[in-house]
Amino acid sequence: MRTIVDFMGTDHRACDDLFASAEDAVAQKNWDSARGLFERFQKAMAHHLAMEEDVLFPAFEARTGMSSGPTGVMRTEHAQMRGLLQEMAIAVANADHDRYLGLSETLNMLMQQHNLKEENMLYPMSDQVLAAARDEVVRSMEAMPVQDAAP
């Protein structure tokens, strides 16, 4: 039986690894590699956010009756991350080293804070309140197809 904390925490680390790889390629001005790695990171992030927004958050909200609580905060932060990702996509497409690295620093800080809130508060709460449906929720998230990142 997999927990939401374990499943989503593992996905956080996979996204973080792609983020770091893309940032390293940009730092080295290896633009072909940077573009490919950033695209993979952007797709992984889009998938992660969709798993939360389309499966986990609705299940949590239905069970708790809270839609403007922790999931509301997470959705606001997701919107901020999407905005930064769009700006980073432009920077990497234009081979704008300084712009990309400045944006990536901001995104990194936001992601670290966001992930801590999820892994230490929202995911454990979800495991608790969704205990009877946890396996189904995790299976539903696993089954979500990876799509292109939103423009």
N, C-alpha and C. Protein backbone atom coordinates (compact mmCIF):
# COMPACT_ATOMS: atom_id res chain seq x y z
N MET A 1 0.84 -1.17 0.00
CA MET A 1 0.00 0.00 0.00
C MET A 1 0.89 1.24 0.00
N ARG A 2 0.82 2.02 -1.08
CA ARG A 2 1.62 3.23 -1.23
C ARG A 2 0.91 4.42 -0.62
N THR A 3 1.65 5.26 0.04
CA THR A 3 1.04 6.46 0.60
C THR A 3 1.13 7.60 -0.41
N ILE A 4 0.28 8.58 -0.21
CA ILE A 4 0.33 9.78 -1.04
C ILE A 4 1.64 10.52 -0.79
N VAL A 5 2.06 10.56 0.47
CA VAL A 5 3.33 11.20 0.81
C VAL A 5 4.47 10.59 0.00
N ASP A 6 4.55 9.26 -0.04
CA ASP A 6 5.63 8.59 -0.76
C ASP A 6 5.53 8.79 -2.27
N PHE A 7 4.33 8.59 -2.81
CA PHE A 7 4.14 8.69 -4.25
C PHE A 7 4.45 10.10 -4.76
N MET A 8 3.85 11.09 -4.12
CA MET A 8 4.03 12.46 -4.60
C MET A 8 5.40 13.00 -4.23
N GLY A 9 5.96 12.59 -3.10
CA GLY A 9 7.31 13.00 -2.73
C GLY A 9 8.33 12.48 -3.73
N THR A 10 8.15 11.26 -4.19
CA THR A 10 9.03 10.69 -5.21
C THR A 10 8.93 11.50 -6.50
N ASP A 11 7.71 11.91 -6.84
CA ASP A 11 7.53 12.71 -8.05
C ASP A 11 8.17 14.10 -7.87
N HIS A 12 8.08 14.68 -6.69
CA HIS A 12 8.78 15.95 -6.43
C HIS A 12 10.27 15.80 -6.73
N ARG A 13 10.87 14.74 -6.24
CA ARG A 13 12.31 14.56 -6.43
C ARG A 13 12.65 14.34 -7.91
N ALA A 14 11.80 13.66 -8.65
CA ALA A 14 12.04 13.47 -10.09
C ALA A 14 11.99 14.82 -10.81
N CYS A 15 11.02 15.65 -10.45
CA CYS A 15 10.94 17.00 -11.04
C CYS A 15 12.17 17.82 -10.65
N ASP A 16 12.57 17.74 -9.40
CA ASP A 16 13.74 18.48 -8.92
C ASP A 16 15.01 18.08 -9.68
N ASP A 17 15.15 16.79 -9.95
CA ASP A 17 16.32 16.31 -10.68
C ASP A 17 16.35 16.87 -12.10
N LEU A 18 15.20 16.89 -12.78
CA LEU A 18 15.13 17.47 -14.12
C LEU A 18 15.42 18.97 -14.09
N PHE A 19 14.88 19.64 -13.08
CA PHE A 19 15.12 21.07 -12.91
C PHE A 19 16.62 21.34 -12.80
N ALA A 20 17.30 20.59 -11.94
CA ALA A 20 18.74 20.78 -11.72
C ALA A 20 19.53 20.48 -12.99
N SER A 21 19.14 19.46 -13.73
CA SER A 21 19.85 19.12 -14.97
C SER A 21 19.70 20.23 -16.00
N ALA A 22 18.50 20.76 -16.13
CA ALA A 22 18.28 21.87 -17.08
C ALA A 22 19.08 23.09 -16.66
N GLU A 23 19.07 23.39 -15.38
CA GLU A 23 19.81 24.55 -14.88
C GLU A 23 21.31 24.40 -15.12
N ASP A 24 21.83 23.20 -14.91
CA ASP A 24 23.25 22.95 -15.16
C ASP A 24 23.60 23.16 -16.63
N ALA A 25 22.72 22.68 -17.52
CA ALA A 25 22.98 22.85 -18.96
C ALA A 25 22.95 24.33 -19.34
N VAL A 26 22.02 25.09 -18.76
CA VAL A 26 21.98 26.54 -19.03
C VAL A 26 23.25 27.20 -18.49
N ALA A 27 23.65 26.84 -17.28
CA ALA A 27 24.85 27.44 -16.68
C ALA A 27 26.08 27.20 -17.55
N GLN A 28 26.11 26.05 -18.23
CA GLN A 28 27.23 25.73 -19.12
C GLN A 28 27.02 26.26 -20.53
N LYS A 29 25.86 26.91 -20.74
CA LYS A 29 25.47 27.45 -22.05
C LYS A 29 25.43 26.37 -23.12
N ASN A 30 25.04 25.18 -22.70
CA ASN A 30 24.83 24.06 -23.62
C ASN A 30 23.35 24.11 -24.01
N TRP A 31 23.03 24.97 -24.98
CA TRP A 31 21.64 25.31 -25.26
C TRP A 31 20.83 24.17 -25.84
N ASP A 32 21.42 23.32 -26.67
CA ASP A 32 20.66 22.19 -27.22
C ASP A 32 20.21 21.27 -26.08
N SER A 33 21.13 20.94 -25.20
CA SER A 33 20.80 20.09 -24.06
C SER A 33 19.83 20.81 -23.13
N ALA A 34 20.06 22.09 -22.89
CA ALA A 34 19.21 22.86 -21.98
C ALA A 34 17.76 22.88 -22.48
N ARG A 35 17.57 23.08 -23.76
CA ARG A 35 16.21 23.13 -24.30
C ARG A 35 15.49 21.79 -24.12
N GLY A 36 16.19 20.70 -24.41
CA GLY A 36 15.60 19.38 -24.26
C GLY A 36 15.29 19.05 -22.80
N LEU A 37 16.23 19.35 -21.93
CA LEU A 37 16.03 19.09 -20.50
C LEU A 37 14.93 19.97 -19.92
N PHE A 38 14.90 21.24 -20.34
CA PHE A 38 13.85 22.12 -19.83
C PHE A 38 12.48 21.63 -20.30
N GLU A 39 12.38 21.18 -21.54
CA GLU A 39 11.10 20.66 -22.04
C GLU A 39 10.66 19.45 -21.21
N ARG A 40 11.59 18.57 -20.90
CA ARG A 40 11.26 17.41 -20.05
C ARG A 40 10.82 17.85 -18.67
N PHE A 41 11.52 18.83 -18.10
CA PHE A 41 11.15 19.36 -16.79
C PHE A 41 9.76 20.00 -16.84
N GLN A 42 9.51 20.80 -17.85
CA GLN A 42 8.22 21.48 -17.97
C GLN A 42 7.08 20.46 -18.09
N LYS A 43 7.29 19.41 -18.86
CA LYS A 43 6.27 18.35 -18.99
C LYS A 43 6.06 17.63 -17.67
N ALA A 44 7.15 17.34 -16.97
CA ALA A 44 7.05 16.66 -15.67
C ALA A 44 6.29 17.52 -14.67
N MET A 45 6.56 18.82 -14.68
CA MET A 45 5.85 19.73 -13.78
C MET A 45 4.37 19.81 -14.14
N ALA A 46 4.07 19.91 -15.42
CA ALA A 46 2.67 19.98 -15.85
C ALA A 46 1.93 18.72 -15.41
N HIS A 47 2.58 17.58 -15.52
CA HIS A 47 1.99 16.31 -15.11
C HIS A 47 1.77 16.28 -13.60
N HIS A 48 2.77 16.71 -12.86
CA HIS A 48 2.67 16.71 -11.40
C HIS A 48 1.52 17.62 -10.94
N LEU A 49 1.47 18.81 -11.49
CA LEU A 49 0.43 19.76 -11.09
C LEU A 49 -0.95 19.23 -11.49
N ALA A 50 -1.05 18.59 -12.64
CA ALA A 50 -2.33 18.02 -13.06
C ALA A 50 -2.76 16.88 -12.15
N MET A 51 -1.81 16.04 -11.72
CA MET A 51 -2.17 14.96 -10.79
C MET A 51 -2.79 15.54 -9.53
N GLU A 52 -2.21 16.62 -9.05
CA GLU A 52 -2.75 17.25 -7.84
C GLU A 52 -4.09 17.91 -8.11
N GLU A 53 -4.15 18.74 -9.14
CA GLU A 53 -5.34 19.55 -9.38
C GLU A 53 -6.52 18.75 -9.92
N ASP A 54 -6.24 17.68 -10.65
CA ASP A 54 -7.33 16.91 -11.26
C ASP A 54 -7.75 15.69 -10.45
N VAL A 55 -6.88 15.21 -9.56
CA VAL A 55 -7.19 13.99 -8.81
C VAL A 55 -7.12 14.24 -7.29
N LEU A 56 -5.94 14.59 -6.81
CA LEU A 56 -5.74 14.67 -5.36
C LEU A 56 -6.57 15.76 -4.71
N PHE A 57 -6.47 16.98 -5.23
CA PHE A 57 -7.18 18.08 -4.59
C PHE A 57 -8.69 17.87 -4.58
N PRO A 58 -9.30 17.48 -5.71
CA PRO A 58 -10.75 17.25 -5.67
C PRO A 58 -11.15 16.16 -4.67
N ALA A 59 -10.35 15.09 -4.57
CA ALA A 59 -10.66 14.03 -3.61
C ALA A 59 -10.55 14.56 -2.18
N PHE A 60 -9.50 15.32 -1.91
CA PHE A 60 -9.32 15.91 -0.57
C PHE A 60 -10.46 16.87 -0.25
N GLU A 61 -10.80 17.72 -1.18
CA GLU A 61 -11.87 18.70 -0.96
C GLU A 61 -13.23 18.04 -0.77
N ALA A 62 -13.49 17.00 -1.54
CA ALA A 62 -14.77 16.29 -1.39
C ALA A 62 -14.87 15.65 -0.02
N ARG A 63 -13.78 15.14 0.47
CA ARG A 63 -13.79 14.44 1.77
C ARG A 63 -13.83 15.42 2.94
N THR A 64 -13.12 16.57 2.81
CA THR A 64 -13.02 17.49 3.94
C THR A 64 -14.01 18.65 3.86
N GLY A 65 -14.52 18.93 2.66
CA GLY A 65 -15.39 20.09 2.48
C GLY A 65 -14.62 21.39 2.41
N MET A 66 -13.29 21.34 2.42
CA MET A 66 -12.44 22.54 2.35
C MET A 66 -11.95 22.74 0.92
N SER A 67 -12.33 23.85 0.31
CA SER A 67 -11.80 24.14 -1.02
C SER A 67 -10.93 25.39 -1.03
N SER A 68 -11.03 26.20 0.01
CA SER A 68 -10.18 27.39 0.06
C SER A 68 -9.10 27.27 1.13
N GLY A 69 -8.92 26.08 1.66
CA GLY A 69 -7.89 25.85 2.67
C GLY A 69 -6.56 25.56 2.01
N PRO A 70 -5.91 24.46 2.41
CA PRO A 70 -4.57 24.17 1.89
C PRO A 70 -4.54 23.99 0.37
N THR A 71 -5.58 23.40 -0.21
CA THR A 71 -5.57 23.21 -1.67
C THR A 71 -5.69 24.55 -2.40
N GLY A 72 -6.39 25.50 -1.80
CA GLY A 72 -6.48 26.83 -2.41
C GLY A 72 -5.12 27.51 -2.45
N VAL A 73 -4.37 27.38 -1.36
CA VAL A 73 -3.02 27.95 -1.31
C VAL A 73 -2.13 27.26 -2.35
N MET A 74 -2.23 25.95 -2.45
CA MET A 74 -1.40 25.21 -3.41
C MET A 74 -1.73 25.61 -4.85
N ARG A 75 -3.01 25.79 -5.16
CA ARG A 75 -3.40 26.21 -6.52
C ARG A 75 -2.84 27.59 -6.85
N THR A 76 -2.83 28.49 -5.88
CA THR A 76 -2.27 29.82 -6.10
C THR A 76 -0.77 29.71 -6.41
N GLU A 77 -0.08 28.88 -5.66
CA GLU A 77 1.35 28.68 -5.89
C GLU A 77 1.60 27.98 -7.23
N HIS A 78 0.73 27.07 -7.60
CA HIS A 78 0.85 26.41 -8.92
C HIS A 78 0.78 27.45 -10.03
N ALA A 79 -0.14 28.41 -9.91
CA ALA A 79 -0.27 29.46 -10.92
C ALA A 79 1.01 30.29 -11.00
N GLN A 80 1.60 30.58 -9.85
CA GLN A 80 2.87 31.32 -9.83
C GLN A 80 3.96 30.52 -10.53
N MET A 81 4.03 29.22 -10.26
CA MET A 81 5.03 28.37 -10.90
C MET A 81 4.83 28.31 -12.40
N ARG A 82 3.58 28.18 -12.83
CA ARG A 82 3.31 28.14 -14.28
C ARG A 82 3.77 29.43 -14.96
N GLY A 83 3.55 30.56 -14.30
CA GLY A 83 4.01 31.83 -14.87
C GLY A 83 5.52 31.86 -15.01
N LEU A 84 6.23 31.41 -13.98
CA LEU A 84 7.69 31.36 -14.05
C LEU A 84 8.16 30.39 -15.13
N LEU A 85 7.48 29.26 -15.24
CA LEU A 85 7.86 28.28 -16.28
C LEU A 85 7.69 28.86 -17.68
N GLN A 86 6.64 29.62 -17.89
CA GLN A 86 6.44 30.26 -19.20
C GLN A 86 7.57 31.23 -19.50
N GLU A 87 7.94 32.03 -18.51
CA GLU A 87 9.04 32.98 -18.70
C GLU A 87 10.36 32.24 -18.93
N MET A 88 10.57 31.15 -18.22
CA MET A 88 11.80 30.38 -18.39
C MET A 88 11.85 29.75 -19.78
N ALA A 89 10.70 29.31 -20.29
CA ALA A 89 10.65 28.73 -21.64
C ALA A 89 11.10 29.76 -22.68
N ILE A 90 10.68 30.99 -22.50
CA ILE A 90 11.10 32.05 -23.41
C ILE A 90 12.60 32.29 -23.28
N ALA A 91 13.08 32.33 -22.05
CA ALA A 91 14.51 32.57 -21.81
C ALA A 91 15.37 31.47 -22.43
N VAL A 92 14.96 30.21 -22.26
CA VAL A 92 15.77 29.12 -22.82
C VAL A 92 15.67 29.11 -24.34
N ALA A 93 14.51 29.44 -24.89
CA ALA A 93 14.37 29.50 -26.35
C ALA A 93 15.26 30.59 -26.94
N ASN A 94 15.43 31.68 -26.20
CA ASN A 94 16.25 32.81 -26.66
C ASN A 94 17.70 32.72 -26.20
N ALA A 95 18.06 31.61 -25.56
CA ALA A 95 19.42 31.43 -25.05
C ALA A 95 19.83 32.60 -24.15
N ASP A 96 18.90 33.03 -23.31
CA ASP A 96 19.13 34.14 -22.40
C ASP A 96 19.58 33.58 -21.05
N HIS A 97 20.86 33.40 -20.92
CA HIS A 97 21.50 32.78 -19.77
C HIS A 97 21.13 33.47 -18.46
N ASP A 98 21.35 34.77 -18.38
CA ASP A 98 21.11 35.50 -17.13
C ASP A 98 19.64 35.50 -16.74
N ARG A 99 18.76 35.70 -17.71
CA ARG A 99 17.33 35.71 -17.43
C ARG A 99 16.87 34.35 -16.92
N TYR A 100 17.30 33.30 -17.60
CA TYR A 100 16.91 31.95 -17.19
C TYR A 100 17.37 31.66 -15.76
N LEU A 101 18.63 31.94 -15.47
CA LEU A 101 19.16 31.62 -14.15
C LEU A 101 18.50 32.46 -13.05
N GLY A 102 18.15 33.69 -13.34
CA GLY A 102 17.42 34.51 -12.37
C GLY A 102 16.04 33.94 -12.09
N LEU A 103 15.34 33.57 -13.15
CA LEU A 103 14.01 32.97 -12.98
C LEU A 103 14.10 31.61 -12.29
N SER A 104 15.11 30.84 -12.62
CA SER A 104 15.23 29.51 -12.01
C SER A 104 15.52 29.62 -10.52
N GLU A 105 16.23 30.65 -10.12
CA GLU A 105 16.48 30.85 -8.68
C GLU A 105 15.15 31.13 -7.96
N THR A 106 14.32 31.97 -8.56
CA THR A 106 13.02 32.27 -7.98
C THR A 106 12.14 31.03 -7.93
N LEU A 107 12.10 30.29 -9.04
CA LEU A 107 11.29 29.07 -9.09
C LEU A 107 11.79 28.05 -8.07
N ASN A 108 13.09 27.91 -7.95
CA ASN A 108 13.65 26.94 -7.01
C ASN A 108 13.20 27.25 -5.58
N MET A 109 13.26 28.51 -5.18
CA MET A 109 12.83 28.88 -3.84
C MET A 109 11.34 28.60 -3.65
N LEU A 110 10.53 28.95 -4.64
CA LEU A 110 9.10 28.71 -4.56
C LEU A 110 8.80 27.21 -4.48
N MET A 111 9.47 26.42 -5.32
CA MET A 111 9.24 24.97 -5.31
C MET A 111 9.65 24.35 -3.99
N GLN A 112 10.78 24.77 -3.43
CA GLN A 112 11.23 24.20 -2.16
C GLN A 112 10.21 24.46 -1.05
N GLN A 113 9.76 25.70 -0.96
CA GLN A 113 8.77 26.04 0.06
C GLN A 113 7.45 25.30 -0.17
N HIS A 114 7.03 25.25 -1.42
CA HIS A 114 5.79 24.60 -1.80
C HIS A 114 5.85 23.10 -1.47
N ASN A 115 6.94 22.45 -1.85
CA ASN A 115 7.08 21.02 -1.61
C ASN A 115 7.09 20.70 -0.12
N LEU A 116 7.73 21.54 0.66
CA LEU A 116 7.74 21.32 2.12
C LEU A 116 6.32 21.38 2.68
N LYS A 117 5.54 22.35 2.23
CA LYS A 117 4.15 22.46 2.71
C LYS A 117 3.36 21.22 2.32
N GLU A 118 3.56 20.77 1.09
CA GLU A 118 2.81 19.59 0.64
C GLU A 118 3.27 18.34 1.38
N GLU A 119 4.57 18.13 1.47
CA GLU A 119 5.09 16.89 2.05
C GLU A 119 4.91 16.83 3.57
N ASN A 120 4.87 17.99 4.22
CA ASN A 120 4.75 18.00 5.68
C ASN A 120 3.33 18.28 6.17
N MET A 121 2.46 18.78 5.30
CA MET A 121 1.12 19.10 5.74
C MET A 121 0.05 18.46 4.85
N LEU A 122 -0.01 18.88 3.59
CA LEU A 122 -1.12 18.45 2.73
C LEU A 122 -1.11 16.94 2.45
N TYR A 123 0.02 16.39 2.08
CA TYR A 123 0.05 14.96 1.77
C TYR A 123 -0.25 14.09 2.99
N PRO A 124 0.35 14.37 4.14
CA PRO A 124 -0.04 13.57 5.32
C PRO A 124 -1.52 13.71 5.67
N MET A 125 -2.06 14.93 5.56
CA MET A 125 -3.50 15.12 5.79
C MET A 125 -4.31 14.30 4.79
N SER A 126 -3.86 14.29 3.53
CA SER A 126 -4.55 13.53 2.49
C SER A 126 -4.51 12.04 2.78
N ASP A 127 -3.34 11.55 3.19
CA ASP A 127 -3.25 10.13 3.56
C ASP A 127 -4.23 9.79 4.67
N GLN A 128 -4.39 10.70 5.61
CA GLN A 128 -5.28 10.45 6.73
C GLN A 128 -6.74 10.51 6.31
N VAL A 129 -7.16 11.60 5.68
CA VAL A 129 -8.59 11.75 5.38
C VAL A 129 -9.05 10.88 4.21
N LEU A 130 -8.12 10.48 3.36
CA LEU A 130 -8.46 9.63 2.22
C LEU A 130 -8.03 8.18 2.43
N ALA A 131 -7.82 7.79 3.67
CA ALA A 131 -7.29 6.45 3.97
C ALA A 131 -8.04 5.35 3.23
N ALA A 132 -9.36 5.39 3.24
CA ALA A 132 -10.14 4.33 2.61
C ALA A 132 -10.02 4.35 1.09
N ALA A 133 -9.74 5.52 0.52
CA ALA A 133 -9.68 5.66 -0.95
C ALA A 133 -8.25 5.91 -1.44
N ARG A 134 -7.28 5.86 -0.53
CA ARG A 134 -5.91 6.24 -0.88
C ARG A 134 -5.36 5.46 -2.07
N ASP A 135 -5.52 4.14 -2.07
CA ASP A 135 -4.99 3.33 -3.18
C ASP A 135 -5.61 3.74 -4.50
N GLU A 136 -6.90 3.99 -4.49
CA GLU A 136 -7.59 4.42 -5.71
C GLU A 136 -7.09 5.79 -6.18
N VAL A 137 -6.88 6.70 -5.25
CA VAL A 137 -6.38 8.03 -5.59
C VAL A 137 -4.98 7.92 -6.21
N VAL A 138 -4.10 7.14 -5.60
CA VAL A 138 -2.75 6.97 -6.14
C VAL A 138 -2.81 6.31 -7.52
N ARG A 139 -3.63 5.29 -7.67
CA ARG A 139 -3.76 4.63 -8.99
C ARG A 139 -4.27 5.61 -10.05
N SER A 140 -5.21 6.46 -9.67
CA SER A 140 -5.73 7.46 -10.61
C SER A 140 -4.65 8.45 -11.03
N MET A 141 -3.82 8.84 -10.08
CA MET A 141 -2.72 9.75 -10.42
C MET A 141 -1.69 9.06 -11.31
N GLU A 142 -1.38 7.80 -10.98
CA GLU A 142 -0.42 7.04 -11.80
C GLU A 142 -0.92 6.88 -13.22
N ALA A 143 -2.22 6.76 -13.39
CA ALA A 143 -2.81 6.50 -14.71
C ALA A 143 -2.91 7.75 -15.59
N MET A 144 -2.69 8.92 -15.00
CA MET A 144 -2.80 10.15 -15.79
C MET A 144 -1.71 10.20 -16.86
N PRO A 145 -2.09 10.44 -18.10
CA PRO A 145 -1.09 10.52 -19.16
C PRO A 145 -0.26 11.79 -19.04
N VAL A 146 1.00 11.70 -19.43
CA VAL A 146 1.85 12.88 -19.50
C VAL A 146 1.53 13.59 -20.79
N GLN A 147 1.23 14.86 -20.69
CA GLN A 147 0.87 15.65 -21.87
C GLN A 147 1.89 16.75 -22.04
N ASP A 148 1.79 17.43 -23.18
CA ASP A 148 2.66 18.59 -23.39
C ASP A 148 2.34 19.64 -22.34
N ALA A 149 3.33 20.40 -21.99
CA ALA A 149 3.14 21.47 -21.03
C ALA A 149 2.23 22.53 -21.63
N ALA A 150 1.42 23.13 -20.77
CA ALA A 150 0.51 24.18 -21.23
C ALA A 150 1.33 25.38 -21.71
N PRO A 151 0.85 26.05 -22.74
CA PRO A 151 1.60 27.21 -23.25
C PRO A 151 1.61 28.34 -22.27
